[in-house]
């Protein structure tokens, strides 16, 4: 099985968590795209979806799935999304695709967060994948200096603007031993919109694609 096969397998498994006649929260990225494709097969059973990015909204609409604004949808029963890294505590690094702010908002508005990943994303300690930090453009340099003071090595994601019109600093060199604490610390830096640590609101369930099948995991 290749990586796409593993992503497709977890996307299929995630469909089991989607209640009938609901509006489902949908993430962004390659694994989320497989989930959207699977969701299209049951579109007659759901009311629609809330998308965490313009790209996901476009893909959903292309499948004939109605896309709702979160303000109109209210609480969501479930949110399905991938991760760039995840631990057995269900803490994640997300934002490799640049949609971290909207992903975090939709996740927070959902009663259950189902993370779908292939086994390469499961790690013991977060930090191998660069941590994305979304920043207001005028604050880029001042935020970067404070990230350096915290031991990070920030680099501007060149040629990229988020759906919110902001910039992303990708921070390398962090060994994230206490993700809940670091998430809060980073969010309190003036000019930071949000950061890619999903620890205060971790995943509830991890569907992990492995060569021996999909493993279902919860926080340890």
N, C-alpha and C. Protein backbone atom coordinates (compact mmCIF):
# COMPACT_ATOMS: atom_id res chain seq x y z
N UNK A 1 0.85 -1.20 0.00
CA UNK A 1 0.00 0.00 0.00
C UNK A 1 0.88 1.24 0.00
N UNK A 2 0.53 2.21 -0.84
CA UNK A 2 1.27 3.47 -0.82
C UNK A 2 0.55 4.46 0.11
N UNK A 3 1.13 5.66 0.23
CA UNK A 3 0.59 6.63 1.17
C UNK A 3 -0.84 7.04 0.81
N UNK A 4 -1.13 7.18 -0.48
CA UNK A 4 -2.49 7.54 -0.89
C UNK A 4 -3.48 6.45 -0.50
N UNK A 5 -3.08 5.20 -0.59
CA UNK A 5 -3.95 4.09 -0.18
C UNK A 5 -4.29 4.19 1.31
N UNK A 6 -3.29 4.54 2.12
CA UNK A 6 -3.51 4.67 3.56
C UNK A 6 -4.44 5.84 3.86
N UNK A 7 -4.25 6.94 3.15
CA UNK A 7 -5.12 8.11 3.35
C UNK A 7 -6.56 7.80 2.94
N UNK A 8 -6.71 7.09 1.84
CA UNK A 8 -8.04 6.72 1.38
C UNK A 8 -8.72 5.80 2.39
N UNK A 9 -7.97 4.89 2.97
CA UNK A 9 -8.53 3.94 3.94
C UNK A 9 -9.06 4.66 5.18
N UNK A 10 -8.33 5.64 5.69
CA UNK A 10 -8.80 6.35 6.88
C UNK A 10 -9.97 7.26 6.53
N UNK A 11 -9.99 7.79 5.32
CA UNK A 11 -11.13 8.60 4.88
C UNK A 11 -12.41 7.78 4.85
N UNK A 12 -12.30 6.55 4.35
CA UNK A 12 -13.46 5.65 4.34
C UNK A 12 -13.91 5.36 5.77
N UNK A 13 -12.96 5.10 6.66
CA UNK A 13 -13.29 4.80 8.05
C UNK A 13 -13.97 5.98 8.75
N UNK A 14 -13.58 7.20 8.39
CA UNK A 14 -14.13 8.39 9.04
C UNK A 14 -15.60 8.59 8.71
N UNK A 15 -16.06 8.07 7.59
CA UNK A 15 -17.47 8.22 7.20
C UNK A 15 -18.39 7.62 8.27
N UNK A 16 -17.91 6.60 8.97
CA UNK A 16 -18.73 5.94 9.99
C UNK A 16 -19.06 6.89 11.15
N UNK A 17 -18.29 7.98 11.29
CA UNK A 17 -18.50 8.92 12.39
C UNK A 17 -19.44 10.08 12.01
N UNK A 18 -19.92 10.08 10.78
CA UNK A 18 -20.77 11.17 10.30
C UNK A 18 -22.23 10.82 10.51
N UNK A 19 -22.94 11.52 11.41
CA UNK A 19 -24.35 11.22 11.64
C UNK A 19 -25.21 11.59 10.42
N UNK A 20 -26.34 10.94 10.30
CA UNK A 20 -27.28 11.28 9.23
C UNK A 20 -27.87 12.67 9.47
N UNK A 21 -28.19 13.35 8.39
CA UNK A 21 -28.89 14.63 8.42
C UNK A 21 -28.13 15.69 9.22
N UNK A 22 -26.81 15.68 9.10
CA UNK A 22 -26.02 16.65 9.85
C UNK A 22 -25.26 17.57 8.90
N UNK A 23 -24.70 18.63 9.49
CA UNK A 23 -23.70 19.45 8.81
C UNK A 23 -22.36 19.05 9.41
N UNK A 24 -21.43 18.63 8.57
CA UNK A 24 -20.15 18.09 9.04
C UNK A 24 -19.03 19.10 8.80
N UNK A 25 -18.13 19.23 9.76
CA UNK A 25 -16.96 20.07 9.60
C UNK A 25 -15.89 19.32 8.82
N UNK A 26 -15.32 20.01 7.84
CA UNK A 26 -14.37 19.36 6.94
C UNK A 26 -13.06 20.15 6.92
N UNK A 27 -11.96 19.42 7.07
CA UNK A 27 -10.64 20.04 7.11
C UNK A 27 -10.06 20.32 5.74
N UNK A 28 -8.74 20.48 5.74
CA UNK A 28 -8.01 20.89 4.54
C UNK A 28 -6.77 20.03 4.37
N UNK A 29 -6.43 19.72 3.13
CA UNK A 29 -5.22 18.97 2.86
C UNK A 29 -5.50 17.69 2.10
N UNK A 30 -4.46 16.93 1.85
CA UNK A 30 -4.58 15.76 0.98
C UNK A 30 -5.47 14.68 1.58
N UNK A 31 -5.35 14.43 2.88
CA UNK A 31 -6.19 13.40 3.49
C UNK A 31 -7.63 13.88 3.58
N UNK A 32 -7.82 15.16 3.91
CA UNK A 32 -9.17 15.73 3.93
C UNK A 32 -9.81 15.65 2.55
N UNK A 33 -9.02 15.80 1.51
CA UNK A 33 -9.57 15.68 0.15
C UNK A 33 -10.13 14.29 -0.11
N UNK A 34 -9.44 13.26 0.37
CA UNK A 34 -9.97 11.90 0.24
C UNK A 34 -11.28 11.77 1.01
N UNK A 35 -11.35 12.41 2.18
CA UNK A 35 -12.59 12.36 2.97
C UNK A 35 -13.73 13.05 2.21
N UNK A 36 -13.44 14.18 1.61
CA UNK A 36 -14.46 14.89 0.83
C UNK A 36 -14.99 13.99 -0.29
N UNK A 37 -14.09 13.30 -0.96
CA UNK A 37 -14.49 12.40 -2.04
C UNK A 37 -15.39 11.28 -1.52
N UNK A 38 -15.09 10.77 -0.33
CA UNK A 38 -15.94 9.73 0.28
C UNK A 38 -17.27 10.32 0.74
N UNK A 39 -17.22 11.55 1.25
CA UNK A 39 -18.43 12.22 1.72
C UNK A 39 -19.42 12.41 0.58
N UNK A 40 -18.88 12.61 -0.62
CA UNK A 40 -19.75 12.80 -1.79
C UNK A 40 -20.63 11.58 -2.03
N UNK A 41 -20.16 10.41 -1.63
CA UNK A 41 -20.92 9.17 -1.86
C UNK A 41 -22.14 9.07 -0.95
N UNK A 42 -22.14 9.86 0.17
CA UNK A 42 -23.30 9.86 1.07
C UNK A 42 -23.93 11.25 1.15
N UNK A 43 -23.71 12.08 0.13
CA UNK A 43 -24.18 13.47 0.21
C UNK A 43 -25.69 13.55 0.38
N UNK A 44 -26.44 12.55 -0.09
CA UNK A 44 -27.89 12.55 0.07
C UNK A 44 -28.31 12.29 1.51
N UNK A 45 -27.36 11.85 2.36
CA UNK A 45 -27.67 11.53 3.76
C UNK A 45 -27.33 12.68 4.72
N UNK A 46 -26.62 13.71 4.22
CA UNK A 46 -26.22 14.82 5.07
C UNK A 46 -26.81 16.12 4.55
N UNK A 47 -26.86 17.13 5.42
CA UNK A 47 -27.38 18.44 5.02
C UNK A 47 -26.33 19.25 4.26
N UNK A 48 -25.06 19.04 4.64
CA UNK A 48 -23.99 19.79 3.99
C UNK A 48 -22.76 19.81 4.86
N UNK A 49 -21.90 20.80 4.64
CA UNK A 49 -20.61 20.85 5.33
C UNK A 49 -20.20 22.29 5.61
N UNK A 50 -19.34 22.43 6.61
CA UNK A 50 -18.61 23.68 6.85
C UNK A 50 -17.16 23.41 6.49
N UNK A 51 -16.59 24.21 5.62
CA UNK A 51 -15.22 24.00 5.15
C UNK A 51 -14.24 24.88 5.91
N UNK A 52 -13.03 24.36 6.13
CA UNK A 52 -12.00 25.12 6.84
C UNK A 52 -11.09 25.91 5.89
N UNK A 53 -11.39 25.88 4.60
CA UNK A 53 -10.59 26.64 3.63
C UNK A 53 -11.38 26.84 2.36
N UNK A 54 -10.95 27.80 1.57
CA UNK A 54 -11.59 28.03 0.27
C UNK A 54 -11.38 26.82 -0.64
N UNK A 55 -10.21 26.18 -0.53
CA UNK A 55 -9.92 25.02 -1.38
C UNK A 55 -10.88 23.87 -1.08
N UNK A 56 -11.11 23.61 0.21
CA UNK A 56 -12.04 22.53 0.58
C UNK A 56 -13.47 22.89 0.17
N UNK A 57 -13.84 24.15 0.34
CA UNK A 57 -15.18 24.57 -0.07
C UNK A 57 -15.40 24.33 -1.57
N UNK A 58 -14.39 24.64 -2.36
CA UNK A 58 -14.49 24.43 -3.80
C UNK A 58 -14.65 22.96 -4.13
N UNK A 59 -13.89 22.10 -3.44
CA UNK A 59 -13.97 20.66 -3.71
C UNK A 59 -15.34 20.11 -3.29
N UNK A 60 -15.84 20.56 -2.15
CA UNK A 60 -17.16 20.13 -1.68
C UNK A 60 -18.25 20.53 -2.67
N UNK A 61 -18.21 21.78 -3.10
CA UNK A 61 -19.22 22.27 -4.06
C UNK A 61 -19.13 21.51 -5.37
N UNK A 62 -17.89 21.16 -5.78
CA UNK A 62 -17.72 20.39 -7.01
C UNK A 62 -18.38 19.02 -6.95
N UNK A 63 -18.55 18.50 -5.73
CA UNK A 63 -19.22 17.21 -5.53
C UNK A 63 -20.73 17.39 -5.29
N UNK A 64 -21.20 18.62 -5.35
CA UNK A 64 -22.62 18.86 -5.13
C UNK A 64 -23.02 18.89 -3.66
N UNK A 65 -22.05 19.10 -2.76
CA UNK A 65 -22.34 19.19 -1.33
C UNK A 65 -22.49 20.66 -0.96
N UNK A 66 -23.61 20.99 -0.30
CA UNK A 66 -23.84 22.38 0.08
C UNK A 66 -22.86 22.79 1.17
N UNK A 67 -22.27 23.98 1.01
CA UNK A 67 -21.31 24.50 1.97
C UNK A 67 -21.96 25.62 2.78
N UNK A 68 -21.95 25.47 4.09
CA UNK A 68 -22.55 26.45 4.99
C UNK A 68 -21.46 27.29 5.65
N UNK A 69 -21.78 28.55 5.94
CA UNK A 69 -20.92 29.36 6.80
C UNK A 69 -21.09 28.85 8.23
N UNK A 70 -20.00 28.85 9.00
CA UNK A 70 -20.08 28.37 10.37
C UNK A 70 -21.09 29.18 11.18
N UNK A 71 -21.20 30.47 10.92
CA UNK A 71 -22.16 31.31 11.64
C UNK A 71 -23.60 30.84 11.43
N UNK A 72 -23.86 30.23 10.30
CA UNK A 72 -25.21 29.74 10.00
C UNK A 72 -25.42 28.30 10.45
N UNK A 73 -24.33 27.57 10.61
CA UNK A 73 -24.44 26.14 10.92
C UNK A 73 -24.57 25.86 12.41
N UNK A 74 -24.00 26.73 13.26
CA UNK A 74 -24.02 26.48 14.69
C UNK A 74 -23.06 25.37 15.08
N UNK A 75 -23.37 24.70 16.20
CA UNK A 75 -22.52 23.59 16.65
C UNK A 75 -22.51 22.47 15.61
N UNK A 76 -21.34 21.86 15.43
CA UNK A 76 -21.20 20.74 14.50
C UNK A 76 -21.02 19.45 15.29
N UNK A 77 -21.63 18.35 14.86
CA UNK A 77 -21.45 17.10 15.59
C UNK A 77 -20.06 16.52 15.43
N UNK A 78 -19.43 16.78 14.28
CA UNK A 78 -18.13 16.15 14.02
C UNK A 78 -17.31 17.00 13.06
N UNK A 79 -15.99 16.98 13.28
CA UNK A 79 -15.03 17.64 12.39
C UNK A 79 -13.98 16.60 12.00
N UNK A 80 -13.72 16.47 10.72
CA UNK A 80 -12.75 15.49 10.22
C UNK A 80 -11.62 16.22 9.51
N UNK A 81 -10.39 15.95 9.94
CA UNK A 81 -9.24 16.64 9.35
C UNK A 81 -7.98 15.81 9.59
N UNK A 82 -6.96 16.10 8.82
CA UNK A 82 -5.67 15.45 8.98
C UNK A 82 -4.78 16.21 9.94
N UNK A 83 -3.51 15.81 10.00
CA UNK A 83 -2.52 16.51 10.83
C UNK A 83 -1.15 16.31 10.20
N UNK A 84 -0.26 17.24 10.48
CA UNK A 84 1.12 17.11 10.01
C UNK A 84 1.94 16.26 10.98
N UNK A 85 1.56 16.32 12.26
CA UNK A 85 2.12 15.46 13.30
C UNK A 85 1.05 15.26 14.36
N UNK A 86 1.06 14.09 15.00
CA UNK A 86 0.15 13.85 16.11
C UNK A 86 0.81 12.88 17.09
N UNK A 87 0.58 13.12 18.40
CA UNK A 87 1.11 12.23 19.43
C UNK A 87 -0.01 11.32 19.95
N UNK A 88 0.37 10.37 20.79
CA UNK A 88 -0.62 9.48 21.40
C UNK A 88 -1.51 10.19 22.40
N UNK A 89 -1.15 11.42 22.75
CA UNK A 89 -2.01 12.25 23.60
C UNK A 89 -3.03 13.03 22.76
N UNK A 90 -2.99 12.82 21.44
CA UNK A 90 -3.90 13.48 20.49
C UNK A 90 -3.57 14.96 20.27
N UNK A 91 -2.38 15.38 20.72
CA UNK A 91 -1.91 16.73 20.42
C UNK A 91 -1.33 16.75 19.01
N UNK A 92 -1.57 17.83 18.28
CA UNK A 92 -1.20 17.88 16.86
C UNK A 92 -0.43 19.13 16.50
N UNK A 93 0.33 19.03 15.42
CA UNK A 93 0.78 20.19 14.65
C UNK A 93 0.02 20.15 13.34
N UNK A 94 -0.61 21.28 13.02
CA UNK A 94 -1.36 21.41 11.77
C UNK A 94 -1.01 22.74 11.12
N UNK A 95 -1.38 22.88 9.85
CA UNK A 95 -1.16 24.15 9.17
C UNK A 95 -0.17 24.09 8.04
N UNK A 96 0.27 22.86 7.68
CA UNK A 96 1.16 22.75 6.54
C UNK A 96 0.54 23.27 5.26
N UNK A 97 -0.78 23.19 5.19
CA UNK A 97 -1.50 23.73 4.03
C UNK A 97 -1.91 25.17 4.19
N UNK A 98 -1.64 25.74 5.37
CA UNK A 98 -1.89 27.16 5.58
C UNK A 98 -3.28 27.53 6.07
N UNK A 99 -4.10 26.53 6.43
CA UNK A 99 -5.48 26.80 6.83
C UNK A 99 -5.67 26.70 8.34
N UNK A 100 -4.61 26.85 9.12
CA UNK A 100 -4.66 26.55 10.54
C UNK A 100 -5.69 27.36 11.32
N UNK A 101 -5.88 28.62 10.99
CA UNK A 101 -6.82 29.45 11.77
C UNK A 101 -8.25 28.96 11.59
N UNK A 102 -8.66 28.78 10.37
CA UNK A 102 -10.03 28.31 10.14
C UNK A 102 -10.20 26.87 10.61
N UNK A 103 -9.17 26.06 10.48
CA UNK A 103 -9.24 24.69 11.01
C UNK A 103 -9.46 24.71 12.51
N UNK A 104 -8.75 25.59 13.21
CA UNK A 104 -8.88 25.64 14.67
C UNK A 104 -10.26 26.15 15.07
N UNK A 105 -10.81 27.08 14.31
CA UNK A 105 -12.14 27.60 14.60
C UNK A 105 -13.20 26.51 14.42
N UNK A 106 -13.13 25.80 13.31
CA UNK A 106 -14.15 24.76 13.04
C UNK A 106 -13.99 23.61 14.03
N UNK A 107 -12.77 23.26 14.37
CA UNK A 107 -12.55 22.21 15.37
C UNK A 107 -13.15 22.60 16.71
N UNK A 108 -12.97 23.87 17.11
CA UNK A 108 -13.48 24.33 18.40
C UNK A 108 -15.01 24.33 18.43
N UNK A 109 -15.64 24.47 17.26
CA UNK A 109 -17.10 24.51 17.18
C UNK A 109 -17.71 23.12 17.03
N UNK A 110 -16.88 22.09 17.07
CA UNK A 110 -17.35 20.72 16.83
C UNK A 110 -17.31 19.91 18.12
N UNK A 111 -18.31 19.05 18.29
CA UNK A 111 -18.38 18.23 19.50
C UNK A 111 -17.36 17.10 19.47
N UNK A 112 -17.02 16.61 18.29
CA UNK A 112 -16.04 15.52 18.17
C UNK A 112 -15.08 15.81 17.04
N UNK A 113 -13.79 15.65 17.29
CA UNK A 113 -12.74 15.88 16.29
C UNK A 113 -12.15 14.52 15.94
N UNK A 114 -12.33 14.13 14.68
CA UNK A 114 -11.76 12.89 14.17
C UNK A 114 -10.54 13.25 13.32
N UNK A 115 -9.36 12.82 13.77
CA UNK A 115 -8.14 13.06 13.00
C UNK A 115 -7.85 11.85 12.12
N UNK A 116 -7.58 12.10 10.86
CA UNK A 116 -7.30 11.03 9.90
C UNK A 116 -5.88 11.21 9.37
N UNK A 117 -5.03 10.20 9.58
CA UNK A 117 -3.61 10.30 9.22
C UNK A 117 -3.09 8.95 8.77
N UNK A 118 -1.99 8.98 8.02
CA UNK A 118 -1.23 7.75 7.80
C UNK A 118 -0.19 7.65 8.91
N UNK A 119 0.36 6.45 9.08
CA UNK A 119 1.20 6.16 10.25
C UNK A 119 2.49 6.98 10.32
N UNK A 120 2.90 7.60 9.22
CA UNK A 120 4.12 8.42 9.25
C UNK A 120 3.94 9.67 10.09
N UNK A 121 2.69 10.05 10.40
CA UNK A 121 2.43 11.29 11.13
C UNK A 121 2.44 11.11 12.65
N UNK A 122 2.45 9.86 13.12
CA UNK A 122 2.45 9.60 14.56
C UNK A 122 3.86 9.74 15.13
N UNK A 123 4.02 10.63 16.11
CA UNK A 123 5.34 10.90 16.68
C UNK A 123 5.27 10.85 18.22
N UNK A 124 6.42 10.70 18.84
CA UNK A 124 6.47 10.73 20.30
C UNK A 124 6.48 12.16 20.83
N UNK A 125 7.21 13.05 20.14
CA UNK A 125 7.33 14.45 20.54
C UNK A 125 7.12 15.33 19.31
N UNK A 126 6.27 16.32 19.44
CA UNK A 126 6.04 17.25 18.34
C UNK A 126 7.25 18.14 18.11
N UNK A 127 7.45 18.56 16.87
CA UNK A 127 8.51 19.52 16.58
C UNK A 127 9.37 19.19 15.38
N UNK A 128 9.28 17.98 14.89
CA UNK A 128 10.04 17.63 13.68
C UNK A 128 9.50 18.42 12.48
N UNK A 129 8.17 18.50 12.41
CA UNK A 129 7.53 19.30 11.35
C UNK A 129 7.56 20.76 11.79
N UNK A 130 7.94 21.68 10.90
CA UNK A 130 7.97 23.10 11.29
C UNK A 130 6.60 23.57 11.76
N UNK A 131 6.58 24.33 12.86
CA UNK A 131 5.32 24.81 13.43
C UNK A 131 4.86 26.07 12.72
N UNK A 132 3.70 26.04 12.05
CA UNK A 132 3.20 27.24 11.38
C UNK A 132 2.62 28.23 12.40
N UNK A 133 2.90 29.49 12.19
CA UNK A 133 2.33 30.56 13.00
C UNK A 133 1.77 31.60 12.04
N UNK A 134 0.47 31.84 12.12
CA UNK A 134 -0.15 32.85 11.24
C UNK A 134 -0.04 34.21 11.90
N UNK A 135 0.46 35.19 11.16
CA UNK A 135 0.72 36.51 11.73
C UNK A 135 0.11 37.61 10.86
N UNK A 136 -0.29 38.69 11.53
CA UNK A 136 -0.69 39.91 10.83
C UNK A 136 0.55 40.46 10.11
N UNK A 137 0.43 40.85 8.83
CA UNK A 137 1.63 41.25 8.07
C UNK A 137 2.51 42.29 8.75
N UNK A 138 1.91 43.31 9.37
CA UNK A 138 2.72 44.37 9.97
C UNK A 138 3.53 43.88 11.17
N UNK A 139 3.15 42.73 11.73
CA UNK A 139 3.82 42.22 12.92
C UNK A 139 4.85 41.14 12.61
N UNK A 140 5.09 40.88 11.34
CA UNK A 140 5.94 39.75 10.96
C UNK A 140 7.30 39.79 11.65
N UNK A 141 7.99 40.90 11.58
CA UNK A 141 9.35 40.98 12.13
C UNK A 141 9.37 40.92 13.65
N UNK A 142 8.43 41.61 14.30
CA UNK A 142 8.42 41.61 15.76
C UNK A 142 8.04 40.23 16.30
N UNK A 143 7.11 39.56 15.64
CA UNK A 143 6.76 38.20 16.07
C UNK A 143 7.95 37.27 15.86
N UNK A 144 8.63 37.41 14.73
CA UNK A 144 9.78 36.55 14.45
C UNK A 144 10.86 36.69 15.52
N UNK A 145 11.10 37.90 16.00
CA UNK A 145 12.12 38.11 17.04
C UNK A 145 11.73 37.40 18.34
N UNK A 146 10.44 37.43 18.66
CA UNK A 146 9.99 36.76 19.89
C UNK A 146 10.03 35.24 19.74
N UNK A 147 9.81 34.75 18.54
CA UNK A 147 9.92 33.31 18.29
C UNK A 147 11.37 32.85 18.44
N UNK A 148 12.31 33.67 18.00
CA UNK A 148 13.74 33.37 18.18
C UNK A 148 14.08 33.33 19.67
N UNK A 149 13.51 34.27 20.43
CA UNK A 149 13.76 34.31 21.87
C UNK A 149 13.25 33.05 22.57
N UNK A 150 12.25 32.40 21.97
CA UNK A 150 11.70 31.16 22.53
C UNK A 150 12.48 29.92 22.06
N UNK A 151 13.52 30.16 21.24
CA UNK A 151 14.35 29.04 20.79
C UNK A 151 14.03 28.53 19.40
N UNK A 152 13.12 29.22 18.72
CA UNK A 152 12.73 28.79 17.39
C UNK A 152 13.52 29.46 16.29
N UNK A 153 13.42 28.90 15.10
CA UNK A 153 14.05 29.45 13.91
C UNK A 153 12.96 29.72 12.88
N UNK A 154 12.34 30.91 12.91
CA UNK A 154 11.22 31.21 12.03
C UNK A 154 11.67 31.58 10.63
N UNK A 155 10.89 31.15 9.65
CA UNK A 155 11.14 31.52 8.25
C UNK A 155 9.80 31.86 7.61
N UNK A 156 9.78 32.94 6.87
CA UNK A 156 8.57 33.34 6.18
C UNK A 156 8.24 32.33 5.09
N UNK A 157 6.99 31.91 5.04
CA UNK A 157 6.54 31.05 3.94
C UNK A 157 6.39 31.93 2.70
N UNK A 158 7.36 31.83 1.82
CA UNK A 158 7.45 32.74 0.68
C UNK A 158 6.28 32.55 -0.30
N UNK A 159 5.78 33.68 -0.79
CA UNK A 159 4.74 33.65 -1.83
C UNK A 159 3.42 33.08 -1.38
N UNK A 160 3.16 33.10 -0.06
CA UNK A 160 1.93 32.50 0.45
C UNK A 160 1.17 33.51 1.30
N UNK A 161 -0.12 33.59 1.05
CA UNK A 161 -1.03 34.39 1.87
C UNK A 161 -2.19 33.50 2.28
N UNK A 162 -2.59 33.55 3.54
CA UNK A 162 -3.69 32.71 4.01
C UNK A 162 -5.02 33.22 3.45
N UNK A 163 -6.06 32.40 3.62
CA UNK A 163 -7.40 32.82 3.20
C UNK A 163 -7.86 34.05 3.96
N UNK A 164 -7.19 34.35 5.08
CA UNK A 164 -7.54 35.52 5.90
C UNK A 164 -6.69 36.74 5.55
N UNK A 165 -5.80 36.60 4.55
CA UNK A 165 -4.97 37.72 4.13
C UNK A 165 -3.72 37.93 4.96
N UNK A 166 -3.31 36.91 5.71
CA UNK A 166 -2.15 37.03 6.58
C UNK A 166 -0.97 36.21 6.07
N UNK A 167 0.15 36.29 6.82
CA UNK A 167 1.37 35.58 6.48
C UNK A 167 1.58 34.40 7.43
N UNK A 168 2.45 33.48 7.04
CA UNK A 168 2.80 32.36 7.91
C UNK A 168 4.31 32.32 8.11
N UNK A 169 4.69 32.21 9.38
CA UNK A 169 6.07 31.93 9.74
C UNK A 169 6.14 30.45 10.11
N UNK A 170 7.01 29.70 9.46
CA UNK A 170 7.23 28.30 9.79
C UNK A 170 8.43 28.22 10.73
N UNK A 171 8.20 27.67 11.92
CA UNK A 171 9.21 27.71 12.97
C UNK A 171 9.84 26.33 13.15
N UNK A 172 11.14 26.26 12.90
CA UNK A 172 11.90 25.03 13.10
C UNK A 172 12.67 25.11 14.42
N UNK A 173 13.18 23.96 14.84
CA UNK A 173 14.07 23.92 15.99
C UNK A 173 13.40 23.84 17.34
N UNK A 174 12.09 23.64 17.37
CA UNK A 174 11.38 23.55 18.65
C UNK A 174 11.19 22.09 19.05
N UNK A 175 11.56 21.77 20.26
CA UNK A 175 11.20 20.48 20.85
C UNK A 175 10.02 20.77 21.77
N UNK A 176 8.85 20.32 21.35
CA UNK A 176 7.63 20.77 22.00
C UNK A 176 7.23 19.76 23.08
N UNK A 177 7.79 19.96 24.27
CA UNK A 177 7.56 19.03 25.36
C UNK A 177 6.23 19.29 26.08
N UNK A 178 5.78 20.54 26.07
CA UNK A 178 4.50 20.90 26.69
C UNK A 178 3.67 21.69 25.68
N UNK A 179 2.98 20.98 24.78
CA UNK A 179 2.27 21.67 23.70
C UNK A 179 1.14 22.58 24.16
N UNK A 180 0.45 22.23 25.24
CA UNK A 180 -0.64 23.08 25.73
C UNK A 180 -0.09 24.43 26.17
N UNK A 181 1.02 24.39 26.93
CA UNK A 181 1.63 25.63 27.42
C UNK A 181 2.18 26.47 26.27
N UNK A 182 2.86 25.83 25.31
CA UNK A 182 3.44 26.59 24.20
C UNK A 182 2.35 27.18 23.32
N UNK A 183 1.27 26.45 23.12
CA UNK A 183 0.17 26.99 22.32
C UNK A 183 -0.34 28.30 22.92
N UNK A 184 -0.52 28.31 24.22
CA UNK A 184 -0.99 29.53 24.90
C UNK A 184 0.03 30.65 24.83
N UNK A 185 1.30 30.31 25.03
CA UNK A 185 2.37 31.31 24.99
C UNK A 185 2.41 31.99 23.62
N UNK A 186 2.36 31.21 22.56
CA UNK A 186 2.44 31.77 21.22
C UNK A 186 1.22 32.63 20.90
N UNK A 187 0.06 32.20 21.34
CA UNK A 187 -1.16 32.95 21.04
C UNK A 187 -1.20 34.30 21.75
N UNK A 188 -0.39 34.45 22.80
CA UNK A 188 -0.37 35.72 23.53
C UNK A 188 0.65 36.72 22.97
N UNK A 189 1.37 36.35 21.92
CA UNK A 189 2.28 37.29 21.27
C UNK A 189 1.45 38.22 20.39
N UNK A 190 1.59 39.51 20.59
CA UNK A 190 0.83 40.49 19.81
C UNK A 190 1.17 40.34 18.33
N UNK A 191 0.14 40.21 17.51
CA UNK A 191 0.34 40.05 16.07
C UNK A 191 0.16 38.63 15.60
N UNK A 192 0.16 37.67 16.53
CA UNK A 192 -0.11 36.27 16.17
C UNK A 192 -1.62 36.07 16.09
N UNK A 193 -2.08 35.55 14.98
CA UNK A 193 -3.50 35.23 14.83
C UNK A 193 -3.78 33.90 15.52
N UNK A 194 -3.03 32.90 15.16
CA UNK A 194 -3.03 31.62 15.88
C UNK A 194 -1.79 30.84 15.46
N UNK A 195 -1.59 29.70 16.12
CA UNK A 195 -0.45 28.86 15.76
C UNK A 195 -0.94 27.44 15.51
N UNK A 196 -0.08 26.63 14.92
CA UNK A 196 -0.48 25.32 14.45
C UNK A 196 -0.50 24.22 15.50
N UNK A 197 -0.35 24.56 16.77
CA UNK A 197 -0.50 23.57 17.83
C UNK A 197 -1.98 23.39 18.15
N UNK A 198 -2.45 22.16 18.03
CA UNK A 198 -3.83 21.84 18.41
C UNK A 198 -3.72 20.94 19.64
N UNK A 199 -3.55 21.57 20.80
CA UNK A 199 -3.34 20.84 22.05
C UNK A 199 -4.41 21.17 23.08
N UNK A 200 -4.81 22.43 23.15
CA UNK A 200 -5.89 22.78 24.08
C UNK A 200 -7.20 22.14 23.64
N UNK A 201 -7.37 21.98 22.33
CA UNK A 201 -8.50 21.24 21.81
C UNK A 201 -7.91 20.12 20.94
N UNK A 202 -7.54 19.00 21.57
CA UNK A 202 -6.91 17.91 20.82
C UNK A 202 -7.96 17.10 20.05
N UNK A 203 -7.50 16.16 19.26
CA UNK A 203 -8.41 15.23 18.60
C UNK A 203 -9.05 14.31 19.64
N UNK A 204 -10.27 13.89 19.37
CA UNK A 204 -10.94 12.92 20.22
C UNK A 204 -10.63 11.49 19.79
N UNK A 205 -10.51 11.31 18.48
CA UNK A 205 -10.25 9.99 17.91
C UNK A 205 -9.22 10.14 16.79
N UNK A 206 -8.24 9.24 16.75
CA UNK A 206 -7.28 9.18 15.65
C UNK A 206 -7.54 7.91 14.85
N UNK A 207 -7.80 8.08 13.57
CA UNK A 207 -7.88 6.95 12.65
C UNK A 207 -6.56 6.91 11.90
N UNK A 208 -5.73 5.92 12.21
CA UNK A 208 -4.37 5.87 11.71
C UNK A 208 -4.25 4.79 10.64
N UNK A 209 -3.86 5.21 9.45
CA UNK A 209 -3.69 4.27 8.34
C UNK A 209 -2.36 3.56 8.44
N UNK A 210 -2.40 2.22 8.54
CA UNK A 210 -1.18 1.42 8.60
C UNK A 210 -1.25 0.33 7.53
N UNK A 211 -0.13 -0.30 7.28
CA UNK A 211 -0.11 -1.36 6.27
C UNK A 211 -0.95 -2.56 6.70
N UNK A 212 -1.23 -2.66 7.99
CA UNK A 212 -2.05 -3.78 8.48
C UNK A 212 -3.51 -3.37 8.71
N UNK A 213 -3.88 -2.17 8.27
CA UNK A 213 -5.26 -1.72 8.40
C UNK A 213 -5.37 -0.43 9.17
N UNK A 214 -6.59 0.06 9.33
CA UNK A 214 -6.84 1.31 10.05
C UNK A 214 -6.93 1.02 11.54
N UNK A 215 -6.09 1.73 12.31
CA UNK A 215 -6.12 1.59 13.77
C UNK A 215 -6.88 2.78 14.36
N UNK A 216 -7.75 2.50 15.33
CA UNK A 216 -8.50 3.53 16.01
C UNK A 216 -7.85 3.79 17.36
N UNK A 217 -7.48 5.06 17.61
CA UNK A 217 -6.79 5.41 18.85
C UNK A 217 -7.49 6.57 19.53
N UNK A 218 -7.44 6.60 20.84
CA UNK A 218 -7.90 7.73 21.63
C UNK A 218 -6.75 8.15 22.56
N UNK A 219 -6.93 9.26 23.26
CA UNK A 219 -5.83 9.82 24.05
C UNK A 219 -5.33 8.85 25.09
N UNK A 220 -4.01 8.77 25.25
CA UNK A 220 -3.39 7.94 26.27
C UNK A 220 -2.82 8.80 27.39
